[in-house]
Amino acid sequence: MAKLQQLDAYSWRLPREGGMRCDGVVYADAELVRALEGDGTLGQLRGVASLPGIQGPALAMPDAHQGYGFPIGGVGAFDPHEGVVSPGGVGYDINCGVRLLRSRLSAQELGEPRLIALADALAASVPAGVGAGGAHQLGDKELSRILEQGAAWAVGRGQGTAADLEFCEAGGALPGADSAAVSQRALQRGRGQAGSLGAGNHFIELAVVEEVYDQRAAEAFGLSQGLLVLWLHSGSRGLGHQVCDDYLKRLAKDPDALRPPDRQLIAAPPDSPVGRDYLAAMAAAANFAFNNRQLLAQACREVLGRVLGLGPAGLGLGLVYDVAHNVAKREKHQVEGKEKELIVHRKGATRALGPGHPELPGRYRAVGQPVLIPGDMGTASYVCVGTAAAMAHTFASAAHGAGRAMSRTQAKKAARGRDLRAELAARQVVVRAASGKTLAEEMPEAYKDVDQVVRVMHGAGIATLVARTKPLAVVKG
């Protein structure tokens, strides 16, 4: 097989060969490339580039690693008539995404005792962990409304404000959702999980803005050095997982399915019955996730307000942005100089609209979309901004996080005999976790160097630096 060809310091070409219909492009530096060549990422990228109707290139972001179907950190854009839609290009945790909220407080105002009190209160108040249920037990009618309304369902019930919807990707709801395309088993799994964090890499993090790189964009986003912010990472819980599982099973038996050599990339034409149903169910699960993060954010506001003795005016916690990972969306992009509607699959990748895009909130239109790139429990997270280069070269896509460097099994083995809570406390990070197993699986060494990932994105001009935050307290499932 052909090897990667370096294009510049931050991008590499995977040449078209065999059944590939286009090139692949990998955004990475030399060290990250060596890591990619040690797993199945490049083979999966070749598989994506071989799918019908792809509007090349197939892309891998600097956080890329082997996943199910698409590599995590993979992006593929497809013609809506000649192309395909693939559950493996979205993943099991549909609309796993990140939300960043800014307070009106200086982090210096807290001190260690109040940080510990906040971490304890968040851990006690926010349902977290494998299978944990949320505070909202839903009947079928209300659940169907959530699947079609997304975050607006929560806001309509006093869980947030209209401004929250303004600063969500897609206004907090993907169009085309249909609860009728979601199985009874998926509905059952979601019925009690609205407003729950989940486990794995999901988290709530209190952090301080440690450094600002782009003053103009930071001011637009309401960020300044020393400010207390809150990161929130969660998705569609058991409902989204079941939607993916249901449609993989249905595709395995469906006459319209395309069965490529990698069976994890099983797909269907978007306008086939199974393709239409999957897109409708996927959008419904994505809307469940938008609503879930809205409920979680409001719960965090209430906990912080109670512990700190502050009302909304003193606390703030206004939404900077909420951005999805793991979705397939109909979007318009330039292809060979012409605007074209495409179905863009982002698997462990995030949207990165540049300045002037009409979908951006007015407050951000002059600078671009906030691109949220969380690190691990012990390292920095970053706020970047989308660029014109991203819209021209990556279908307005960027990295979504640090990306795993170890499997969960490898991480648990490496964590044996270690006191991870004490290690993180030595870094001045308070950690609360529902499970020691999750703490081991998500330890800092399990992830790539987020500083390195962000340097690549900034150097490539795809998502440029705005601010870096440092973790103070982390709550995990």
Protein backbone atom coordinates (compact mmCIF):
# COMPACT_ATOMS: atom_id res chain seq x y z
CA MET A 1 0.00 0.00 0.00
CA ALA A 2 1.10 3.53 -0.74
CA LYS A 3 2.53 5.47 2.17
CA LEU A 4 1.60 8.93 3.33
CA GLN A 5 3.17 11.76 1.37
CA GLN A 6 3.96 14.91 3.31
CA LEU A 7 2.34 18.02 1.86
CA ASP A 8 3.58 20.51 4.43
CA ALA A 9 4.44 20.63 8.15
CA TYR A 10 0.87 19.76 9.17
CA SER A 11 -0.79 17.79 6.38
CA TRP A 12 -0.16 14.50 4.59
CA ARG A 13 -1.68 12.91 1.49
CA LEU A 14 -2.89 9.33 1.46
CA PRO A 15 -2.74 8.62 -2.30
CA ARG A 16 -5.72 7.18 -4.10
CA GLU A 17 -5.19 3.54 -5.00
CA GLY A 18 -7.14 0.33 -5.42
CA GLY A 19 -10.82 0.89 -4.70
CA MET A 20 -10.34 4.40 -3.34
CA ARG A 21 -12.44 7.04 -5.14
CA CYS A 22 -10.41 9.98 -3.80
CA ASP A 23 -7.30 10.79 -1.82
CA GLY A 24 -7.18 10.93 1.92
CA VAL A 25 -5.69 13.87 3.81
CA VAL A 26 -4.31 13.53 7.31
CA TYR A 27 -3.67 16.58 9.50
CA ALA A 28 -0.77 15.69 11.78
CA ASP A 29 2.87 16.31 12.56
CA ALA A 30 5.54 13.65 12.10
CA GLU A 31 5.15 12.27 15.63
CA LEU A 32 1.37 11.91 15.34
CA VAL A 33 1.78 10.23 11.95
CA ARG A 34 4.03 7.57 13.50
CA ALA A 35 1.31 6.81 16.02
CA LEU A 36 -1.33 6.58 13.28
CA GLU A 37 0.75 4.11 11.35
CA GLY A 38 0.72 1.81 14.38
CA ASP A 39 -3.03 1.19 14.37
CA GLY A 40 -5.78 0.77 11.80
CA THR A 41 -6.53 4.47 11.25
CA LEU A 42 -5.09 4.72 7.74
CA GLY A 43 -6.76 1.50 6.63
CA GLN A 44 -10.09 2.87 7.86
CA LEU A 45 -9.45 6.16 6.04
CA ARG A 46 -8.87 4.17 2.83
CA GLY A 47 -12.21 2.47 3.43
CA VAL A 48 -13.98 5.83 3.79
CA ALA A 49 -12.34 7.06 0.58
CA SER A 50 -13.71 3.98 -1.20
CA LEU A 51 -17.38 4.65 -0.44
CA PRO A 52 -19.64 5.70 -3.34
CA GLY A 53 -20.36 9.37 -3.89
CA ILE A 54 -17.62 10.68 -1.63
CA GLN A 55 -16.66 14.25 -2.40
CA GLY A 56 -13.00 13.99 -1.55
CA PRO A 57 -10.76 14.03 0.17
CA ALA A 58 -11.52 11.73 3.09
CA LEU A 59 -10.09 13.46 6.16
CA ALA A 60 -8.40 12.50 9.41
CA MET A 61 -7.88 15.14 12.08
CA PRO A 62 -4.81 15.24 14.38
CA ASP A 63 -6.72 13.47 17.16
CA ALA A 64 -7.51 10.56 14.84
CA HIS A 65 -7.30 6.95 16.00
CA GLN A 66 -8.90 3.65 15.09
CA GLY A 67 -12.63 3.47 15.71
CA TYR A 68 -15.68 1.61 14.45
CA GLY A 69 -16.10 2.10 10.69
CA PHE A 70 -14.67 5.57 10.24
CA PRO A 71 -11.58 6.39 12.26
CA ILE A 72 -12.40 8.57 15.24
CA GLY A 73 -11.35 12.00 14.05
CA GLY A 74 -12.59 11.11 10.54
CA VAL A 75 -14.64 13.25 8.16
CA GLY A 76 -16.35 12.20 4.94
CA ALA A 77 -18.70 14.26 2.77
CA PHE A 78 -21.09 12.53 0.36
CA ASP A 79 -23.33 13.48 -2.52
CA PRO A 80 -26.92 13.15 -1.23
CA HIS A 81 -28.04 11.34 -4.41
CA GLU A 82 -25.02 9.30 -5.50
CA GLY A 83 -23.44 8.81 -2.09
CA VAL A 84 -24.24 6.96 1.11
CA VAL A 85 -25.04 7.42 4.77
CA SER A 86 -23.22 5.11 7.17
CA PRO A 87 -23.82 4.56 10.92
CA GLY A 88 -20.10 3.75 11.15
CA GLY A 89 -19.43 7.33 10.05
CA VAL A 90 -21.39 8.68 13.02
CA GLY A 91 -20.77 6.15 15.76
CA TYR A 92 -22.63 4.77 18.75
CA ASP A 93 -22.67 7.89 20.91
CA ILE A 94 -24.65 10.03 18.49
CA ASN A 95 -24.01 13.74 19.12
CA CYS A 96 -21.51 13.20 21.84
CA GLY A 97 -20.65 16.89 22.14
CA VAL A 98 -19.11 19.66 24.19
CA ARG A 99 -20.63 22.73 25.81
CA LEU A 100 -18.66 25.61 27.33
CA LEU A 101 -20.17 28.10 29.76
CA ARG A 102 -18.51 31.27 31.08
CA SER A 103 -19.14 32.65 34.56
CA ARG A 104 -18.84 36.20 35.85
CA LEU A 105 -16.38 35.05 38.50
CA SER A 106 -12.62 35.13 38.77
CA ALA A 107 -11.30 31.67 39.59
CA GLN A 108 -9.20 33.28 42.32
CA GLU A 109 -12.41 34.01 44.21
CA LEU A 110 -12.98 30.33 44.89
CA GLY A 111 -10.03 28.81 46.72
CA GLU A 112 -9.54 25.09 47.40
CA PRO A 113 -12.29 24.61 50.04
CA ARG A 114 -14.98 26.04 47.76
CA LEU A 115 -13.68 24.06 44.79
CA ILE A 116 -13.93 20.87 46.84
CA ALA A 117 -17.46 21.84 47.92
CA LEU A 118 -18.44 22.50 44.30
CA ALA A 119 -16.98 19.20 43.08
CA ASP A 120 -18.78 17.31 45.86
CA ALA A 121 -22.08 19.07 45.14
CA LEU A 122 -21.85 18.47 41.37
CA ALA A 123 -20.98 14.80 41.92
CA ALA A 124 -23.92 14.43 44.33
CA SER A 125 -26.45 16.33 42.24
CA VAL A 126 -25.70 15.31 38.63
CA PRO A 127 -26.51 11.67 37.77
CA ALA A 128 -23.36 10.06 36.36
CA GLY A 129 -22.03 6.61 35.62
CA VAL A 130 -22.90 3.60 33.49
CA GLY A 131 -26.68 3.32 33.15
CA ALA A 132 -27.34 6.18 35.57
CA GLY A 133 -30.77 7.73 35.19
CA GLY A 134 -31.55 11.42 35.01
CA ALA A 135 -33.86 13.57 37.07
CA HIS A 136 -36.52 13.62 34.32
CA GLN A 137 -38.67 10.52 33.95
CA LEU A 138 -40.43 10.84 30.61
CA GLY A 139 -43.56 9.45 29.06
CA ASP A 140 -43.68 8.56 25.38
CA LYS A 141 -45.24 11.86 24.32
CA GLU A 142 -42.68 14.01 26.12
CA LEU A 143 -39.81 11.88 24.90
CA SER A 144 -41.07 12.20 21.32
CA ARG A 145 -41.18 15.97 21.74
CA ILE A 146 -37.56 15.97 22.93
CA LEU A 147 -36.48 13.90 19.93
CA GLU A 148 -38.01 16.46 17.58
CA GLN A 149 -37.42 19.71 19.52
CA GLY A 150 -33.97 19.11 21.02
CA ALA A 151 -32.74 21.67 23.54
CA ALA A 152 -35.83 23.82 22.98
CA TRP A 153 -37.83 21.26 24.99
CA ALA A 154 -35.80 22.05 28.11
CA VAL A 155 -35.79 25.81 27.53
CA GLY A 156 -39.56 25.73 27.08
CA ARG A 157 -39.82 24.26 30.56
CA GLY A 158 -37.71 26.87 32.27
CA GLN A 159 -34.43 24.96 31.96
CA GLY A 160 -32.41 27.77 30.40
CA THR A 161 -33.08 30.72 28.13
CA ALA A 162 -33.52 31.53 24.46
CA ALA A 163 -29.88 32.70 24.43
CA ASP A 164 -28.85 29.11 25.10
CA LEU A 165 -30.46 28.02 21.85
CA GLU A 166 -28.83 30.88 19.93
CA PHE A 167 -25.38 29.60 20.90
CA CYS A 168 -26.00 25.92 20.11
CA GLU A 169 -24.99 24.38 16.82
CA ALA A 170 -28.13 24.12 14.65
CA GLY A 171 -30.05 25.99 17.34
CA GLY A 172 -29.95 22.87 19.50
CA ALA A 173 -31.98 20.66 17.13
CA LEU A 174 -31.14 18.90 13.87
CA PRO A 175 -33.91 19.10 11.28
CA GLY A 176 -35.56 16.00 9.89
CA ALA A 177 -35.83 14.13 13.19
CA ASP A 178 -38.66 11.62 13.46
CA SER A 179 -39.36 9.78 16.68
CA ALA A 180 -41.28 7.16 14.68
CA ALA A 181 -37.93 6.01 13.23
CA VAL A 182 -36.64 5.23 16.73
CA SER A 183 -37.26 1.74 18.10
CA GLN A 184 -39.21 1.02 21.26
CA ARG A 185 -36.05 -0.40 22.80
CA ALA A 186 -34.18 2.85 22.13
CA LEU A 187 -37.06 4.87 23.57
CA GLN A 188 -37.09 2.67 26.64
CA ARG A 189 -33.36 3.22 27.19
CA GLY A 190 -33.73 6.99 26.86
CA ARG A 191 -36.89 7.40 28.90
CA GLY A 192 -35.07 7.79 32.22
CA GLN A 193 -31.74 9.21 31.08
CA ALA A 194 -32.50 12.84 30.20
CA GLY A 195 -30.25 15.05 32.29
CA SER A 196 -27.59 12.41 33.02
CA LEU A 197 -23.87 12.60 32.30
CA GLY A 198 -23.01 9.01 31.48
CA ALA A 199 -19.59 7.42 31.86
CA GLY A 200 -16.44 6.97 29.79
CA ASN A 201 -14.95 10.23 28.58
CA HIS A 202 -17.97 12.31 29.62
CA PHE A 203 -17.30 14.93 32.26
CA ILE A 204 -18.10 18.22 33.94
CA GLU A 205 -15.06 20.43 34.51
CA LEU A 206 -14.57 23.71 36.31
CA ALA A 207 -11.58 25.48 34.80
CA VAL A 208 -9.82 28.83 34.66
CA VAL A 209 -8.95 30.72 31.47
CA GLU A 210 -5.19 30.53 31.79
CA GLU A 211 -4.09 32.30 28.61
CA VAL A 212 -5.68 34.29 25.79
CA TYR A 213 -4.11 34.18 22.32
CA ASP A 214 -6.67 35.99 20.16
CA GLN A 215 -8.04 38.99 22.04
CA ARG A 216 -10.65 39.90 19.43
CA ALA A 217 -12.19 36.42 19.29
CA ALA A 218 -11.94 35.99 23.07
CA GLU A 219 -13.86 39.22 23.62
CA ALA A 220 -16.54 38.06 21.18
CA PHE A 221 -16.81 34.78 23.10
CA GLY A 222 -16.88 36.60 26.47
CA LEU A 223 -13.62 35.05 27.67
CA SER A 224 -10.81 36.73 29.60
CA GLN A 225 -7.77 35.61 31.54
CA GLY A 226 -8.56 34.37 35.04
CA LEU A 227 -12.26 33.75 34.34
CA LEU A 228 -13.98 30.69 35.78
CA VAL A 229 -15.57 28.55 33.07
CA LEU A 230 -17.42 25.24 32.97
CA TRP A 231 -16.92 22.50 30.37
CA LEU A 232 -19.57 19.83 29.85
CA HIS A 233 -19.13 16.73 27.68
CA SER A 234 -21.99 14.28 27.18
CA GLY A 235 -24.11 12.69 24.48
CA SER A 236 -27.26 10.74 23.68
CA ARG A 237 -26.75 8.02 26.31
CA GLY A 238 -28.37 4.62 25.81
CA LEU A 239 -30.90 5.96 23.32
CA GLY A 240 -28.24 6.96 20.79
CA HIS A 241 -26.30 3.74 21.30
CA GLN A 242 -29.43 1.72 20.63
CA VAL A 243 -30.26 3.73 17.47
CA CYS A 244 -26.84 2.89 16.05
CA ASP A 245 -27.14 -0.76 17.01
CA ASP A 246 -30.67 -1.02 15.57
CA TYR A 247 -29.70 0.38 12.19
CA LEU A 248 -26.52 -1.68 11.88
CA LYS A 249 -28.69 -4.77 12.38
CA ARG A 250 -31.33 -3.53 9.96
CA LEU A 251 -28.74 -2.70 7.31
CA ALA A 252 -27.25 -6.18 7.64
CA LYS A 253 -30.57 -7.56 6.31
CA ASP A 254 -31.68 -4.68 4.05
CA PRO A 255 -31.62 -5.13 0.24
CA ASP A 256 -30.66 -1.47 -0.24
CA ALA A 257 -27.53 -1.77 1.90
CA LEU A 258 -24.06 -1.34 0.44
CA ARG A 259 -21.66 -3.91 1.89
CA PRO A 260 -18.05 -2.76 1.44
CA PRO A 261 -15.08 -5.00 2.32
CA ASP A 262 -15.00 -3.44 5.80
CA ARG A 263 -18.39 -4.51 7.08
CA GLN A 264 -18.24 -1.79 9.76
CA LEU A 265 -18.75 0.68 6.89
CA ILE A 266 -22.08 -0.85 5.85
CA ALA A 267 -24.13 1.98 4.35
CA ALA A 268 -27.20 2.85 2.32
CA PRO A 269 -28.24 5.51 -0.20
CA PRO A 270 -29.63 8.50 1.72
CA ASP A 271 -32.86 8.41 -0.30
CA SER A 272 -33.49 4.68 0.26
CA PRO A 273 -36.08 3.72 2.89
CA VAL A 274 -33.43 2.54 5.35
CA GLY A 275 -31.22 5.55 4.61
CA ARG A 276 -34.07 7.99 5.23
CA ASP A 277 -35.08 6.20 8.42
CA TYR A 278 -31.53 6.16 9.75
CA LEU A 279 -31.05 9.88 9.12
CA ALA A 280 -34.37 10.61 10.87
CA ALA A 281 -33.49 8.41 13.86
CA MET A 282 -29.93 9.76 14.02
CA ALA A 283 -31.26 13.34 14.08
CA ALA A 284 -33.71 12.36 16.83
CA ALA A 285 -30.89 10.89 18.93
CA ALA A 286 -28.80 14.01 18.29
CA ASN A 287 -31.68 16.13 19.56
CA PHE A 288 -31.90 13.99 22.68
CA ALA A 289 -28.22 14.80 23.26
CA PHE A 290 -28.69 18.54 22.72
CA ASN A 291 -31.51 18.47 25.25
CA ASN A 292 -29.45 16.35 27.62
CA ARG A 293 -26.62 18.90 27.67
CA GLN A 294 -29.16 21.69 28.17
CA LEU A 295 -30.58 19.95 31.23
CA LEU A 296 -27.10 19.21 32.54
CA ALA A 297 -26.02 22.82 32.08
CA GLN A 298 -29.04 24.07 33.98
CA ALA A 299 -28.36 21.59 36.78
CA CYS A 300 -24.79 22.90 36.99
CA ARG A 301 -26.05 26.48 37.15
CA GLU A 302 -28.33 25.58 40.03
CA VAL A 303 -25.60 23.70 41.94
CA LEU A 304 -23.02 26.47 41.57
CA GLY A 305 -25.55 29.13 42.47
CA ARG A 306 -26.60 27.24 45.60
CA VAL A 307 -23.08 26.42 46.81
CA LEU A 308 -21.70 29.89 46.12
CA GLY A 309 -24.81 31.71 47.33
CA LEU A 310 -25.20 33.58 44.05
CA GLY A 311 -28.20 34.29 41.84
CA PRO A 312 -28.06 34.16 38.03
CA ALA A 313 -26.89 37.78 37.80
CA GLY A 314 -23.87 37.17 40.00
CA LEU A 315 -22.99 33.72 38.68
CA GLY A 316 -23.48 34.19 34.96
CA LEU A 317 -22.74 30.82 33.37
CA GLY A 318 -23.81 32.06 29.96
CA LEU A 319 -23.33 29.67 27.07
CA VAL A 320 -20.27 30.27 24.90
CA TYR A 321 -21.18 27.44 22.51
CA ASP A 322 -22.46 23.88 22.23
CA VAL A 323 -21.00 21.88 19.38
CA ALA A 324 -21.75 18.32 18.25
CA HIS A 325 -19.49 15.42 17.45
CA ASN A 326 -20.67 12.18 15.85
CA VAL A 327 -23.36 13.37 13.45
CA ALA A 328 -24.15 13.29 9.73
CA LYS A 329 -25.62 16.57 8.53
CA ARG A 330 -26.87 18.09 5.31
CA GLU A 331 -24.69 21.14 4.68
CA LYS A 332 -23.66 23.30 1.76
CA HIS A 333 -20.00 23.44 0.81
CA GLN A 334 -17.88 24.46 -2.15
CA VAL A 335 -16.90 21.54 -4.38
CA GLU A 336 -14.71 22.37 -7.38
CA GLY A 337 -15.77 26.00 -7.18
CA LYS A 338 -19.52 25.33 -6.95
CA GLU A 339 -21.78 25.29 -3.92
CA LYS A 340 -23.23 21.84 -3.36
CA GLU A 341 -25.38 20.18 -0.74
CA LEU A 342 -23.55 17.31 0.93
CA ILE A 343 -24.11 14.90 3.78
CA VAL A 344 -21.09 15.48 6.01
CA HIS A 345 -20.21 12.69 8.42
CA ARG A 346 -18.09 13.85 11.37
CA LYS A 347 -16.98 10.95 13.56
CA GLY A 348 -15.11 12.35 16.55
CA ALA A 349 -14.69 15.62 14.70
CA THR A 350 -16.33 18.97 15.21
CA ARG A 351 -17.71 21.74 13.02
CA ALA A 352 -15.49 24.80 12.45
CA LEU A 353 -17.33 27.50 10.51
CA GLY A 354 -15.26 30.51 9.47
CA PRO A 355 -16.12 34.21 9.65
CA GLY A 356 -19.20 35.41 7.83
CA HIS A 357 -21.10 32.13 7.75
CA PRO A 358 -24.85 32.77 7.98
CA GLU A 359 -25.42 29.98 10.53
CA LEU A 360 -23.26 31.74 13.13
CA PRO A 361 -24.82 33.84 15.89
CA GLY A 362 -24.53 37.55 15.09
CA ARG A 363 -22.11 38.04 17.97
CA TYR A 364 -19.65 35.58 16.40
CA ARG A 365 -20.15 36.24 12.70
CA ALA A 366 -17.17 38.56 12.35
CA VAL A 367 -14.71 36.16 14.00
CA GLY A 368 -15.96 32.61 13.34
CA GLN A 369 -17.37 29.69 15.30
CA PRO A 370 -15.99 28.67 18.69
CA VAL A 371 -14.23 25.31 18.25
CA LEU A 372 -14.11 23.49 21.58
CA ILE A 373 -11.22 21.05 22.10
CA PRO A 374 -11.16 19.50 25.58
CA GLY A 375 -8.06 17.76 26.88
CA ASP A 376 -7.93 15.11 29.60
CA MET A 377 -8.44 15.35 33.36
CA GLY A 378 -4.98 16.70 34.07
CA THR A 379 -4.19 18.90 31.11
CA ALA A 380 -5.38 22.02 29.35
CA SER A 381 -8.42 22.40 27.13
CA TYR A 382 -8.63 24.86 24.28
CA VAL A 383 -11.04 27.26 22.67
CA CYS A 384 -10.18 27.79 19.03
CA VAL A 385 -12.05 29.51 16.20
CA GLY A 386 -13.13 28.23 12.79
CA THR A 387 -11.56 29.70 9.67
CA ALA A 388 -12.08 30.30 5.98
CA ALA A 389 -9.42 27.64 5.40
CA ALA A 390 -11.54 25.07 7.21
CA MET A 391 -14.52 25.92 5.01
CA ALA A 392 -12.32 25.58 1.92
CA HIS A 393 -10.38 22.43 2.80
CA THR A 394 -12.06 20.34 5.54
CA PHE A 395 -15.80 20.84 4.96
CA ALA A 396 -15.60 23.21 7.95
CA SER A 397 -14.31 20.49 10.28
CA ALA A 398 -11.69 20.32 13.02
CA ALA A 399 -10.43 18.04 15.79
CA HIS A 400 -12.79 17.36 18.67
CA GLY A 401 -10.37 16.63 21.52
CA ALA A 402 -7.06 15.05 22.41
CA GLY A 403 -7.90 11.62 20.98
CA ARG A 404 -7.05 8.35 22.69
CA ALA A 405 -3.48 7.06 22.74
CA MET A 406 -4.35 3.87 24.69
CA SER A 407 -7.31 1.54 24.58
CA ARG A 408 -9.38 1.41 27.75
CA THR A 409 -7.96 -2.02 28.50
CA GLN A 410 -4.40 -0.73 28.14
CA ALA A 411 -5.18 2.25 30.35
CA LYS A 412 -6.61 0.07 33.13
CA LYS A 413 -3.51 -2.09 33.02
CA ALA A 414 -1.21 0.96 33.17
CA ALA A 415 -3.17 2.37 36.12
CA ARG A 416 -2.77 -0.68 38.38
CA GLY A 417 -1.25 0.19 41.73
CA ARG A 418 -1.52 3.93 41.18
CA ASP A 419 -3.53 6.48 43.15
CA LEU A 420 -4.81 8.60 40.28
CA ARG A 421 -6.82 10.89 42.55
CA ALA A 422 -3.66 11.74 44.50
CA GLU A 423 -1.68 12.23 41.29
CA LEU A 424 -4.26 14.68 40.01
CA ALA A 425 -4.48 16.41 43.38
CA ALA A 426 -0.72 16.98 43.11
CA ARG A 427 -1.49 18.85 39.88
CA GLN A 428 -4.05 20.88 41.85
CA VAL A 429 -7.01 19.20 40.17
CA VAL A 430 -9.91 18.00 42.35
CA VAL A 431 -11.46 14.85 40.87
CA ARG A 432 -14.71 13.08 41.68
CA ALA A 433 -15.61 9.91 39.78
CA ALA A 434 -18.53 7.52 40.13
CA SER A 435 -16.18 4.64 39.37
CA GLY A 436 -12.48 3.94 39.88
CA LYS A 437 -12.64 1.94 36.65
CA THR A 438 -13.62 5.07 34.71
CA LEU A 439 -10.85 7.03 36.38
CA ALA A 440 -8.31 4.45 35.20
CA GLU A 441 -9.71 4.27 31.67
CA GLU A 442 -9.62 8.05 31.37
CA MET A 443 -6.27 8.78 33.02
CA PRO A 444 -4.18 11.51 31.34
CA GLU A 445 -1.71 9.09 29.71
CA ALA A 446 -4.58 7.40 27.88
CA TYR A 447 -4.84 10.45 25.61
CA LYS A 448 -2.66 12.18 23.08
CA ASP A 449 -1.01 15.47 23.93
CA VAL A 450 -3.81 18.01 23.43
CA ASP A 451 -1.23 20.81 23.09
CA GLN A 452 0.23 18.96 20.12
CA VAL A 453 -3.18 18.33 18.55
CA VAL A 454 -4.07 22.01 18.81
CA ARG A 455 -0.67 23.13 17.45
CA VAL A 456 -1.37 21.10 14.32
CA MET A 457 -4.84 22.58 13.85
CA HIS A 458 -3.50 26.10 14.43
CA GLY A 459 -0.50 25.56 12.17
CA ALA A 460 -2.69 24.16 9.40
CA GLY A 461 -5.00 27.17 9.76
CA ILE A 462 -8.07 24.99 10.27
CA ALA A 463 -8.94 26.12 13.81
CA THR A 464 -6.78 28.84 15.32
CA LEU A 465 -6.01 29.47 18.98
CA VAL A 466 -8.23 31.73 21.07
CA ALA A 467 -7.73 30.64 24.70
CA ARG A 468 -6.39 27.87 26.91
CA THR A 469 -8.11 26.73 30.10
CA LYS A 470 -6.66 24.81 33.05
CA PRO A 471 -8.74 22.27 34.98
CA LEU A 472 -9.57 22.99 38.62
CA ALA A 473 -12.20 20.35 39.42
CA VAL A 474 -13.48 17.43 37.34
CA VAL A 475 -16.55 15.25 37.82
CA LYS A 476 -16.71 11.99 35.84
CA GLY A 477 -19.14 9.15 35.55
